[in-house]
């Protein structure tokens, strides 16, 4: 299994890599990828970290689980590969972007260009078995991604955290709101998007906050 991770994140997360839970997690993931079909491809498991070095993070968006159908997941939450149908939650994200900033709705669901600008698109769980949502939850990934968010909270400031839905809000509950901007809204899934996600204005609020602190806004 060839797994890549950006060196700045490797340094930050090294204490986690040395813990017993991560050794168990690694064994579980290696076995799962050897014996079943899993997503994303092994080389992209850490794509969120690899695309967005620790010192370049400006926005954090937290998802829960990778997409679990063929060719969808590539290691960034809410994002799918080019040529794949845009999932319903991402459709609603695009609708809000259009409403908030007047952005045309893209034909591709690939958010790699967000990640390349400093948007950490982090799922709480970084792998999944094909066709089995949540199948790799509670194996240790959540502890690792908690550590990543905790490190950002301790060592960085003026980051915008977009916490959509109760799961993401629980995961980000300890973020220091005095030194960062924490934006919360219902999840963009069709079940809840029209209970407050559509109309939340998070994208313009994020860019205004970044500009106020002398940081480059995101080209959403």
C-alpha atoms as a PDB file:
ATOM      1  CA  UNK A   1       0.000   0.000   0.000  1.00  0.00           C
ATOM      2  CA  UNK A   2       1.564   3.253  -1.151  1.00  0.00           C
ATOM      3  CA  UNK A   3       0.258   6.086   1.058  1.00  0.00           C
ATOM      4  CA  UNK A   4       1.421   9.687   0.682  1.00  0.00           C
ATOM      5  CA  UNK A   5       1.126  12.490   3.217  1.00  0.00           C
ATOM      6  CA  UNK A   6       2.501  16.025   3.125  1.00  0.00           C
ATOM      7  CA  UNK A   7       5.662  16.418   5.228  1.00  0.00           C
ATOM      8  CA  UNK A   8       4.269  19.287   7.357  1.00  0.00           C
ATOM      9  CA  UNK A   9       1.345  17.097   8.381  1.00  0.00           C
ATOM     10  CA  UNK A  10       3.609  14.078   8.875  1.00  0.00           C
ATOM     11  CA  UNK A  11       5.561  16.089  11.431  1.00  0.00           C
ATOM     12  CA  UNK A  12       2.408  17.343  13.187  1.00  0.00           C
ATOM     13  CA  UNK A  13       0.785  13.910  13.319  1.00  0.00           C
ATOM     14  CA  UNK A  14       3.891  11.842  14.080  1.00  0.00           C
ATOM     15  CA  UNK A  15       2.938  11.476  17.791  1.00  0.00           C
ATOM     16  CA  UNK A  16      -0.316   9.846  16.620  1.00  0.00           C
ATOM     17  CA  UNK A  17       1.490   7.526  14.209  1.00  0.00           C
ATOM     18  CA  UNK A  18       3.524   6.235  17.158  1.00  0.00           C
ATOM     19  CA  UNK A  19       0.469   5.341  19.282  1.00  0.00           C
ATOM     20  CA  UNK A  20      -0.934   1.809  19.634  1.00  0.00           C
ATOM     21  CA  UNK A  21      -4.343   2.751  18.167  1.00  0.00           C
ATOM     22  CA  UNK A  22      -2.709   3.861  14.914  1.00  0.00           C
ATOM     23  CA  UNK A  23      -0.832   0.572  14.619  1.00  0.00           C
ATOM     24  CA  UNK A  24      -4.160  -1.278  14.987  1.00  0.00           C
ATOM     25  CA  UNK A  25      -5.801   1.076  12.485  1.00  0.00           C
ATOM     26  CA  UNK A  26      -3.009   0.530   9.967  1.00  0.00           C
ATOM     27  CA  UNK A  27      -3.343  -3.260  10.277  1.00  0.00           C
ATOM     28  CA  UNK A  28      -7.110  -3.042   9.810  1.00  0.00           C
ATOM     29  CA  UNK A  29      -6.838  -0.788   6.737  1.00  0.00           C
ATOM     30  CA  UNK A  30      -4.094  -2.862   5.100  1.00  0.00           C
ATOM     31  CA  UNK A  31      -6.159  -6.024   5.557  1.00  0.00           C
ATOM     32  CA  UNK A  32      -9.325  -4.328   4.278  1.00  0.00           C
ATOM     33  CA  UNK A  33      -7.625  -3.023   1.125  1.00  0.00           C
ATOM     34  CA  UNK A  34      -6.045  -6.436   0.507  1.00  0.00           C
ATOM     35  CA  UNK A  35      -9.247  -8.444   0.907  1.00  0.00           C
ATOM     36  CA  UNK A  36     -12.110  -6.152  -0.206  1.00  0.00           C
ATOM     37  CA  UNK A  37     -12.676  -3.182  -2.485  1.00  0.00           C
ATOM     38  CA  UNK A  38     -12.149   0.026  -0.512  1.00  0.00           C
ATOM     39  CA  UNK A  39     -12.182   3.734  -1.288  1.00  0.00           C
ATOM     40  CA  UNK A  40     -10.460   6.054  -1.892  1.00  0.00           C
ATOM     41  CA  UNK A  41      -7.490   4.491  -3.730  1.00  0.00           C
ATOM     42  CA  UNK A  42      -4.742   3.835  -1.178  1.00  0.00           C
ATOM     43  CA  UNK A  43      -2.459   6.548  -2.546  1.00  0.00           C
ATOM     44  CA  UNK A  44      -5.214   9.125  -1.905  1.00  0.00           C
ATOM     45  CA  UNK A  45      -6.184   8.156   1.654  1.00  0.00           C
ATOM     46  CA  UNK A  46      -4.370  11.264   2.975  1.00  0.00           C
ATOM     47  CA  UNK A  47      -5.198  13.498   0.000  1.00  0.00           C
ATOM     48  CA  UNK A  48      -6.846  16.121   2.232  1.00  0.00           C
ATOM     49  CA  UNK A  49      -3.553  16.541   4.119  1.00  0.00           C
ATOM     50  CA  UNK A  50      -1.347  16.061   1.069  1.00  0.00           C
ATOM     51  CA  UNK A  51      -3.154  18.792  -0.905  1.00  0.00           C
ATOM     52  CA  UNK A  52      -3.257  21.317   1.932  1.00  0.00           C
ATOM     53  CA  UNK A  53      -0.045  21.672   4.001  1.00  0.00           C
ATOM     54  CA  UNK A  54      -0.488  22.455   7.699  1.00  0.00           C
ATOM     55  CA  UNK A  55       0.828  26.016   7.457  1.00  0.00           C
ATOM     56  CA  UNK A  56      -1.362  26.828   4.437  1.00  0.00           C
ATOM     57  CA  UNK A  57      -4.747  25.836   5.896  1.00  0.00           C
ATOM     58  CA  UNK A  58      -7.184  28.770   5.721  1.00  0.00           C
ATOM     59  CA  UNK A  59     -10.553  26.990   5.800  1.00  0.00           C
ATOM     60  CA  UNK A  60     -11.566  23.631   7.299  1.00  0.00           C
ATOM     61  CA  UNK A  61     -14.667  21.747   6.130  1.00  0.00           C
ATOM     62  CA  UNK A  62     -15.437  18.544   8.050  1.00  0.00           C
ATOM     63  CA  UNK A  63     -17.223  15.574   6.512  1.00  0.00           C
ATOM     64  CA  UNK A  64     -17.990  12.193   8.004  1.00  0.00           C
ATOM     65  CA  UNK A  65     -17.198   9.327   5.629  1.00  0.00           C
ATOM     66  CA  UNK A  66     -15.804   8.877   2.091  1.00  0.00           C
ATOM     67  CA  UNK A  67     -18.243   8.163  -0.724  1.00  0.00           C
ATOM     68  CA  UNK A  68     -18.526   4.407  -1.150  1.00  0.00           C
ATOM     69  CA  UNK A  69     -19.422   3.855  -4.814  1.00  0.00           C
ATOM     70  CA  UNK A  70     -17.005   3.269  -7.696  1.00  0.00           C
ATOM     71  CA  UNK A  71     -14.764   6.168  -8.793  1.00  0.00           C
ATOM     72  CA  UNK A  72     -16.367   8.678  -6.412  1.00  0.00           C
ATOM     73  CA  UNK A  73     -13.961   9.163  -3.495  1.00  0.00           C
ATOM     74  CA  UNK A  74     -10.531  10.723  -3.925  1.00  0.00           C
ATOM     75  CA  UNK A  75      -9.707  11.694  -0.363  1.00  0.00           C
ATOM     76  CA  UNK A  76     -11.502  15.061  -0.075  1.00  0.00           C
ATOM     77  CA  UNK A  77     -14.812  15.411   1.761  1.00  0.00           C
ATOM     78  CA  UNK A  78     -17.871  16.249  -0.368  1.00  0.00           C
ATOM     79  CA  UNK A  79     -15.704  15.970  -3.516  1.00  0.00           C
ATOM     80  CA  UNK A  80     -15.899  13.415  -6.342  1.00  0.00           C
ATOM     81  CA  UNK A  81     -13.694  12.687  -9.326  1.00  0.00           C
ATOM     82  CA  UNK A  82     -14.293  14.442 -12.624  1.00  0.00           C
ATOM     83  CA  UNK A  83     -16.890  12.695 -14.759  1.00  0.00           C
ATOM     84  CA  UNK A  84     -18.804  11.316 -11.763  1.00  0.00           C
ATOM     85  CA  UNK A  85     -22.375  12.447 -11.055  1.00  0.00           C
ATOM     86  CA  UNK A  86     -22.448  15.257  -8.486  1.00  0.00           C
ATOM     87  CA  UNK A  87     -23.820  13.906  -5.164  1.00  0.00           C
ATOM     88  CA  UNK A  88     -26.917  15.595  -3.681  1.00  0.00           C
ATOM     89  CA  UNK A  89     -25.063  17.262  -0.774  1.00  0.00           C
ATOM     90  CA  UNK A  90     -22.539  18.815  -3.140  1.00  0.00           C
ATOM     91  CA  UNK A  91     -25.374  19.962  -5.414  1.00  0.00           C
ATOM     92  CA  UNK A  92     -26.734  21.901  -2.438  1.00  0.00           C
ATOM     93  CA  UNK A  93     -23.283  23.308  -1.638  1.00  0.00           C
ATOM     94  CA  UNK A  94     -23.111  24.570  -5.222  1.00  0.00           C
ATOM     95  CA  UNK A  95     -26.627  26.029  -4.933  1.00  0.00           C
ATOM     96  CA  UNK A  96     -25.600  27.983  -1.836  1.00  0.00           C
ATOM     97  CA  UNK A  97     -22.402  29.158  -3.531  1.00  0.00           C
ATOM     98  CA  UNK A  98     -24.498  30.397  -6.435  1.00  0.00           C
ATOM     99  CA  UNK A  99     -26.964  32.131  -4.115  1.00  0.00           C
ATOM    100  CA  UNK A 100     -24.242  33.594  -1.858  1.00  0.00           C
ATOM    101  CA  UNK A 101     -21.558  34.647  -4.341  1.00  0.00           C
ATOM    102  CA  UNK A 102     -23.278  34.374  -7.727  1.00  0.00           C
ATOM    103  CA  UNK A 103     -20.914  31.569  -8.767  1.00  0.00           C
ATOM    104  CA  UNK A 104     -22.098  29.524 -11.766  1.00  0.00           C
ATOM    105  CA  UNK A 105     -22.917  25.939 -10.793  1.00  0.00           C
ATOM    106  CA  UNK A 106     -20.013  23.758 -11.997  1.00  0.00           C
ATOM    107  CA  UNK A 107     -20.468  20.634 -14.103  1.00  0.00           C
ATOM    108  CA  UNK A 108     -17.766  18.792 -12.108  1.00  0.00           C
ATOM    109  CA  UNK A 109     -17.890  17.743  -8.462  1.00  0.00           C
ATOM    110  CA  UNK A 110     -14.103  17.785  -8.094  1.00  0.00           C
ATOM    111  CA  UNK A 111     -13.094  20.190  -5.298  1.00  0.00           C
ATOM    112  CA  UNK A 112      -9.340  19.698  -5.687  1.00  0.00           C
ATOM    113  CA  UNK A 113      -8.987  23.382  -6.614  1.00  0.00           C
ATOM    114  CA  UNK A 114     -10.386  24.314  -3.178  1.00  0.00           C
ATOM    115  CA  UNK A 115      -7.872  22.052  -1.441  1.00  0.00           C
ATOM    116  CA  UNK A 116      -5.013  23.524  -3.462  1.00  0.00           C
ATOM    117  CA  UNK A 117      -5.929  26.988  -2.115  1.00  0.00           C
ATOM    118  CA  UNK A 118      -5.840  25.999   1.558  1.00  0.00           C
ATOM    119  CA  UNK A 119      -9.263  24.445   2.157  1.00  0.00           C
ATOM    120  CA  UNK A 120      -8.794  21.318   4.280  1.00  0.00           C
ATOM    121  CA  UNK A 121     -11.587  19.000   3.115  1.00  0.00           C
ATOM    122  CA  UNK A 122     -11.336  16.500   5.950  1.00  0.00           C
ATOM    123  CA  UNK A 123     -13.515  13.466   6.485  1.00  0.00           C
ATOM    124  CA  UNK A 124     -13.568  12.153  10.057  1.00  0.00           C
ATOM    125  CA  UNK A 125     -13.059   8.642   8.668  1.00  0.00           C
ATOM    126  CA  UNK A 126     -10.605   8.393   5.776  1.00  0.00           C
ATOM    127  CA  UNK A 127     -11.498   5.000   4.269  1.00  0.00           C
ATOM    128  CA  UNK A 128     -14.600   2.928   3.557  1.00  0.00           C
ATOM    129  CA  UNK A 129     -15.514  -0.455   2.088  1.00  0.00           C
ATOM    130  CA  UNK A 130     -17.334  -0.358  -1.245  1.00  0.00           C
ATOM    131  CA  UNK A 131     -21.129  -0.064  -0.937  1.00  0.00           C
ATOM    132  CA  UNK A 132     -20.964  -0.064   2.882  1.00  0.00           C
ATOM    133  CA  UNK A 133     -21.320   3.428   4.317  1.00  0.00           C
ATOM    134  CA  UNK A 134     -19.686   3.811   7.716  1.00  0.00           C
ATOM    135  CA  UNK A 135     -17.911   0.460   7.493  1.00  0.00           C
ATOM    136  CA  UNK A 136     -14.548   1.863   8.668  1.00  0.00           C
ATOM    137  CA  UNK A 137     -15.898   4.059  11.452  1.00  0.00           C
ATOM    138  CA  UNK A 138     -14.690   3.548  15.043  1.00  0.00           C
ATOM    139  CA  UNK A 139     -11.450   1.886  13.938  1.00  0.00           C
ATOM    140  CA  UNK A 140      -9.186   4.801  14.902  1.00  0.00           C
ATOM    141  CA  UNK A 141      -9.539   7.300  12.076  1.00  0.00           C
ATOM    142  CA  UNK A 142     -11.655   9.613  14.225  1.00  0.00           C
ATOM    143  CA  UNK A 143      -8.869   9.825  16.802  1.00  0.00           C
ATOM    144  CA  UNK A 144      -6.354  10.789  14.126  1.00  0.00           C
ATOM    145  CA  UNK A 145      -8.578  13.443  12.550  1.00  0.00           C
ATOM    146  CA  UNK A 146      -9.432  14.833  16.004  1.00  0.00           C
ATOM    147  CA  UNK A 147      -5.685  15.209  16.576  1.00  0.00           C
ATOM    148  CA  UNK A 148      -5.331  17.079  13.275  1.00  0.00           C
ATOM    149  CA  UNK A 149      -8.064  19.559  14.209  1.00  0.00           C
ATOM    150  CA  UNK A 150      -6.636  19.921  17.710  1.00  0.00           C
ATOM    151  CA  UNK A 151      -3.186  20.702  16.273  1.00  0.00           C
ATOM    152  CA  UNK A 152      -4.635  23.406  14.026  1.00  0.00           C
ATOM    153  CA  UNK A 153      -6.510  24.863  16.991  1.00  0.00           C
ATOM    154  CA  UNK A 154      -3.372  24.920  19.159  1.00  0.00           C
ATOM    155  CA  UNK A 155      -0.795  26.119  16.629  1.00  0.00           C
ATOM    156  CA  UNK A 156      -2.691  28.230  14.101  1.00  0.00           C
ATOM    157  CA  UNK A 157      -5.215  31.075  14.172  1.00  0.00           C
ATOM    158  CA  UNK A 158      -7.528  33.001  11.841  1.00  0.00           C
ATOM    159  CA  UNK A 159      -8.820  29.800  10.270  1.00  0.00           C
ATOM    160  CA  UNK A 160     -12.448  29.529   9.142  1.00  0.00           C
ATOM    161  CA  UNK A 161     -14.142  26.311  10.286  1.00  0.00           C
ATOM    162  CA  UNK A 162     -17.329  25.358   8.419  1.00  0.00           C
ATOM    163  CA  UNK A 163     -19.204  22.857  10.590  1.00  0.00           C
ATOM    164  CA  UNK A 164     -22.221  21.540   8.702  1.00  0.00           C
ATOM    165  CA  UNK A 165     -24.505  19.215  10.618  1.00  0.00           C
ATOM    166  CA  UNK A 166     -24.406  17.939  14.192  1.00  0.00           C
ATOM    167  CA  UNK A 167     -21.582  15.450  13.590  1.00  0.00           C
ATOM    168  CA  UNK A 168     -19.158  18.113  12.341  1.00  0.00           C
ATOM    169  CA  UNK A 169     -20.270  20.493  15.088  1.00  0.00           C
ATOM    170  CA  UNK A 170     -19.468  17.925  17.781  1.00  0.00           C
ATOM    171  CA  UNK A 171     -16.101  17.229  16.196  1.00  0.00           C
ATOM    172  CA  UNK A 172     -15.224  20.929  16.211  1.00  0.00           C
ATOM    173  CA  UNK A 173     -16.768  21.855  19.554  1.00  0.00           C
ATOM    174  CA  UNK A 174     -13.450  22.723  21.258  1.00  0.00           C
ATOM    175  CA  UNK A 175     -12.155  25.111  18.548  1.00  0.00           C
ATOM    176  CA  UNK A 176     -11.179  28.465  20.035  1.00  0.00           C
ATOM    177  CA  UNK A 177     -13.762  30.909  18.692  1.00  0.00           C
ATOM    178  CA  UNK A 178     -11.761  33.908  19.900  1.00  0.00           C
ATOM    179  CA  UNK A 179      -8.911  33.170  17.491  1.00  0.00           C
ATOM    180  CA  UNK A 180     -10.845  31.618  14.603  1.00  0.00           C
ATOM    181  CA  UNK A 181     -14.164  31.962  12.806  1.00  0.00           C
ATOM    182  CA  UNK A 182     -16.484  29.007  13.458  1.00  0.00           C
ATOM    183  CA  UNK A 183     -19.509  28.843  11.155  1.00  0.00           C
ATOM    184  CA  UNK A 184     -22.277  26.333  11.809  1.00  0.00           C
ATOM    185  CA  UNK A 185     -25.286  25.296   9.737  1.00  0.00           C
ATOM    186  CA  UNK A 186     -27.424  22.218   9.072  1.00  0.00           C
ATOM    187  CA  UNK A 187     -25.879  19.569   6.826  1.00  0.00           C
ATOM    188  CA  UNK A 188     -26.224  20.239   3.067  1.00  0.00           C
ATOM    189  CA  UNK A 189     -27.895  16.862   2.460  1.00  0.00           C
ATOM    190  CA  UNK A 190     -31.387  16.997   0.868  1.00  0.00           C
ATOM    191  CA  UNK A 191     -32.849  16.013   4.270  1.00  0.00           C
ATOM    192  CA  UNK A 192     -31.680  19.197   5.984  1.00  0.00           C
ATOM    193  CA  UNK A 193     -30.308  21.691   3.446  1.00  0.00           C
ATOM    194  CA  UNK A 194     -33.478  23.782   3.401  1.00  0.00           C
ATOM    195  CA  UNK A 195     -33.567  24.021   7.196  1.00  0.00           C
ATOM    196  CA  UNK A 196     -30.784  26.605   7.169  1.00  0.00           C
ATOM    197  CA  UNK A 197     -27.881  25.481   5.002  1.00  0.00           C
ATOM    198  CA  UNK A 198     -29.309  27.207   1.939  1.00  0.00           C
ATOM    199  CA  UNK A 199     -29.065  30.853   2.945  1.00  0.00           C
ATOM    200  CA  UNK A 200     -26.248  30.429   5.492  1.00  0.00           C
ATOM    201  CA  UNK A 201     -23.842  32.728   3.591  1.00  0.00           C
ATOM    202  CA  UNK A 202     -20.780  30.848   4.795  1.00  0.00           C
ATOM    203  CA  UNK A 203     -18.707  31.363   1.655  1.00  0.00           C
ATOM    204  CA  UNK A 204     -18.924  35.153   1.656  1.00  0.00           C
ATOM    205  CA  UNK A 205     -18.493  35.242   5.448  1.00  0.00           C
ATOM    206  CA  UNK A 206     -15.336  33.131   5.149  1.00  0.00           C
ATOM    207  CA  UNK A 207     -13.834  35.369   2.496  1.00  0.00           C
ATOM    208  CA  UNK A 208     -14.697  38.542   4.414  1.00  0.00           C
ATOM    209  CA  UNK A 209     -13.023  37.139   7.541  1.00  0.00           C
ATOM    210  CA  UNK A 210      -9.891  36.097   5.638  1.00  0.00           C
ATOM    211  CA  UNK A 211      -9.655  39.524   3.998  1.00  0.00           C
ATOM    212  CA  UNK A 212     -10.059  41.283   7.353  1.00  0.00           C
ATOM    213  CA  UNK A 213      -7.042  39.343   8.635  1.00  0.00           C
ATOM    214  CA  UNK A 214      -4.860  40.069   5.624  1.00  0.00           C
ATOM    215  CA  UNK A 215      -5.307  36.610   4.108  1.00  0.00           C
ATOM    216  CA  UNK A 216      -6.133  35.735   0.521  1.00  0.00           C
ATOM    217  CA  UNK A 217      -9.830  34.897   0.058  1.00  0.00           C
ATOM    218  CA  UNK A 218     -10.737  31.560  -1.505  1.00  0.00           C
ATOM    219  CA  UNK A 219     -11.718  31.478  -5.175  1.00  0.00           C
ATOM    220  CA  UNK A 220     -14.687  29.181  -4.660  1.00  0.00           C
END
